[in-house]
Amino acid sequence: MARPLRVLRNLLIAGLIAGGGAAAVGFAWRMIGGGALPMHGWIALTLGVAGTVALAWALMALAFRSDREGWDARAGVTPPPGVSPDDDR
């Protein structure tokens, strides 16, 4: 699958998860007696869920990329310039 199509598919999946999450929270809100959410409440809820899904997606992508490219293995191997390896600072 071409990269743009894969990204589009992933965005669609993230959008469906965000929409489903917002609908579930709205339903739960009504079940506990919170009343109907106004339009601004639905907008805020959808943006909050979508932002959370996007942040989780981005952080997991960075974690997988770090693992694939060996960023973690290189961390701490070479001391910064001007610091000797025997320095206990």
Protein backbone atom coordinates (compact mmCIF):
# COMPACT_ATOMS: atom_id res chain seq x y z
CA MET A 1 0.00 0.00 0.00
CA ALA A 2 1.35 3.41 -0.91
CA ARG A 3 2.37 5.67 1.95
CA PRO A 4 -0.29 8.39 1.30
CA LEU A 5 -3.04 5.78 1.28
CA ARG A 6 -1.73 4.24 4.48
CA VAL A 7 -1.67 7.64 6.19
CA LEU A 8 -5.20 8.38 4.96
CA ARG A 9 -6.40 4.99 6.24
CA ASN A 10 -4.78 5.63 9.63
CA LEU A 11 -6.37 9.09 9.84
CA LEU A 12 -9.76 7.59 9.02
CA ILE A 13 -9.32 4.96 11.73
CA ALA A 14 -8.23 7.63 14.25
CA GLY A 15 -11.26 9.75 13.29
CA LEU A 16 -13.61 6.81 13.78
CA ILE A 17 -12.06 6.05 17.17
CA ALA A 18 -12.37 9.71 18.20
CA GLY A 19 -15.98 9.90 17.02
CA GLY A 20 -16.89 6.65 18.75
CA GLY A 21 -15.19 7.80 21.93
CA ALA A 22 -17.03 11.11 21.90
CA ALA A 23 -20.35 9.34 21.30
CA ALA A 24 -19.67 6.90 24.15
CA VAL A 25 -18.78 9.69 26.57
CA GLY A 26 -21.88 11.65 25.52
CA PHE A 27 -24.06 8.58 26.08
CA ALA A 28 -22.46 7.97 29.49
CA TRP A 29 -23.03 11.63 30.38
CA ARG A 30 -26.75 11.24 29.67
CA MET A 31 -26.93 7.97 31.61
CA ILE A 32 -25.59 9.59 34.79
CA GLY A 33 -28.21 12.33 34.52
CA GLY A 34 -26.03 15.07 33.11
CA GLY A 35 -28.64 16.12 30.56
CA ALA A 36 -28.17 16.76 26.88
CA LEU A 37 -24.87 18.23 25.77
CA PRO A 38 -25.16 21.51 23.87
CA MET A 39 -23.44 21.84 20.49
CA HIS A 40 -20.41 23.53 22.08
CA GLY A 41 -20.10 20.62 24.49
CA TRP A 42 -20.07 18.13 21.60
CA ILE A 43 -17.46 20.19 19.76
CA ALA A 44 -15.23 20.41 22.84
CA LEU A 45 -15.68 16.71 23.59
CA THR A 46 -14.87 15.68 20.01
CA LEU A 47 -11.80 17.93 19.86
CA GLY A 48 -10.58 16.62 23.22
CA VAL A 49 -10.96 12.97 22.22
CA ALA A 50 -9.44 13.61 18.77
CA GLY A 51 -6.49 15.45 20.34
CA THR A 52 -5.90 12.61 22.79
CA VAL A 53 -6.01 10.00 20.01
CA ALA A 54 -3.65 12.10 17.83
CA LEU A 55 -1.19 12.58 20.69
CA ALA A 56 -1.19 8.87 21.53
CA TRP A 57 -0.71 8.02 17.84
CA ALA A 58 2.21 10.44 17.47
CA LEU A 59 3.96 9.25 20.62
CA MET A 60 3.61 5.59 19.65
CA ALA A 61 4.95 6.39 16.16
CA LEU A 62 7.98 8.06 17.75
CA ALA A 63 8.53 5.09 20.04
CA PHE A 64 8.43 2.64 17.12
CA ARG A 65 10.71 4.84 15.01
CA SER A 66 13.17 5.17 17.89
CA ASP A 67 13.26 1.41 18.30
CA ARG A 68 13.65 0.73 14.56
CA GLU A 69 16.42 3.28 14.04
CA GLY A 70 18.32 2.44 17.23
CA TRP A 71 18.05 5.84 18.91
CA ASP A 72 17.80 4.21 22.34
CA ALA A 73 20.87 2.07 21.79
CA ARG A 74 22.97 5.14 20.96
CA ALA A 75 21.78 7.19 23.95
CA GLY A 76 24.50 7.69 26.53
CA VAL A 77 27.20 5.90 24.53
CA THR A 78 29.30 8.95 23.74
CA PRO A 79 29.87 11.56 26.47
CA PRO A 80 29.19 15.18 25.57
CA PRO A 81 32.16 17.28 24.38
CA GLY A 82 34.39 18.42 27.21
CA VAL A 83 33.34 15.65 29.62
CA SER A 84 35.64 12.73 30.23
CA PRO A 85 34.09 9.23 30.44
CA ASP A 86 35.55 8.80 33.95
CA ASP A 87 33.89 11.97 35.26
CA ASP A 88 31.25 11.18 37.94
CA ARG A 89 29.26 14.41 37.60
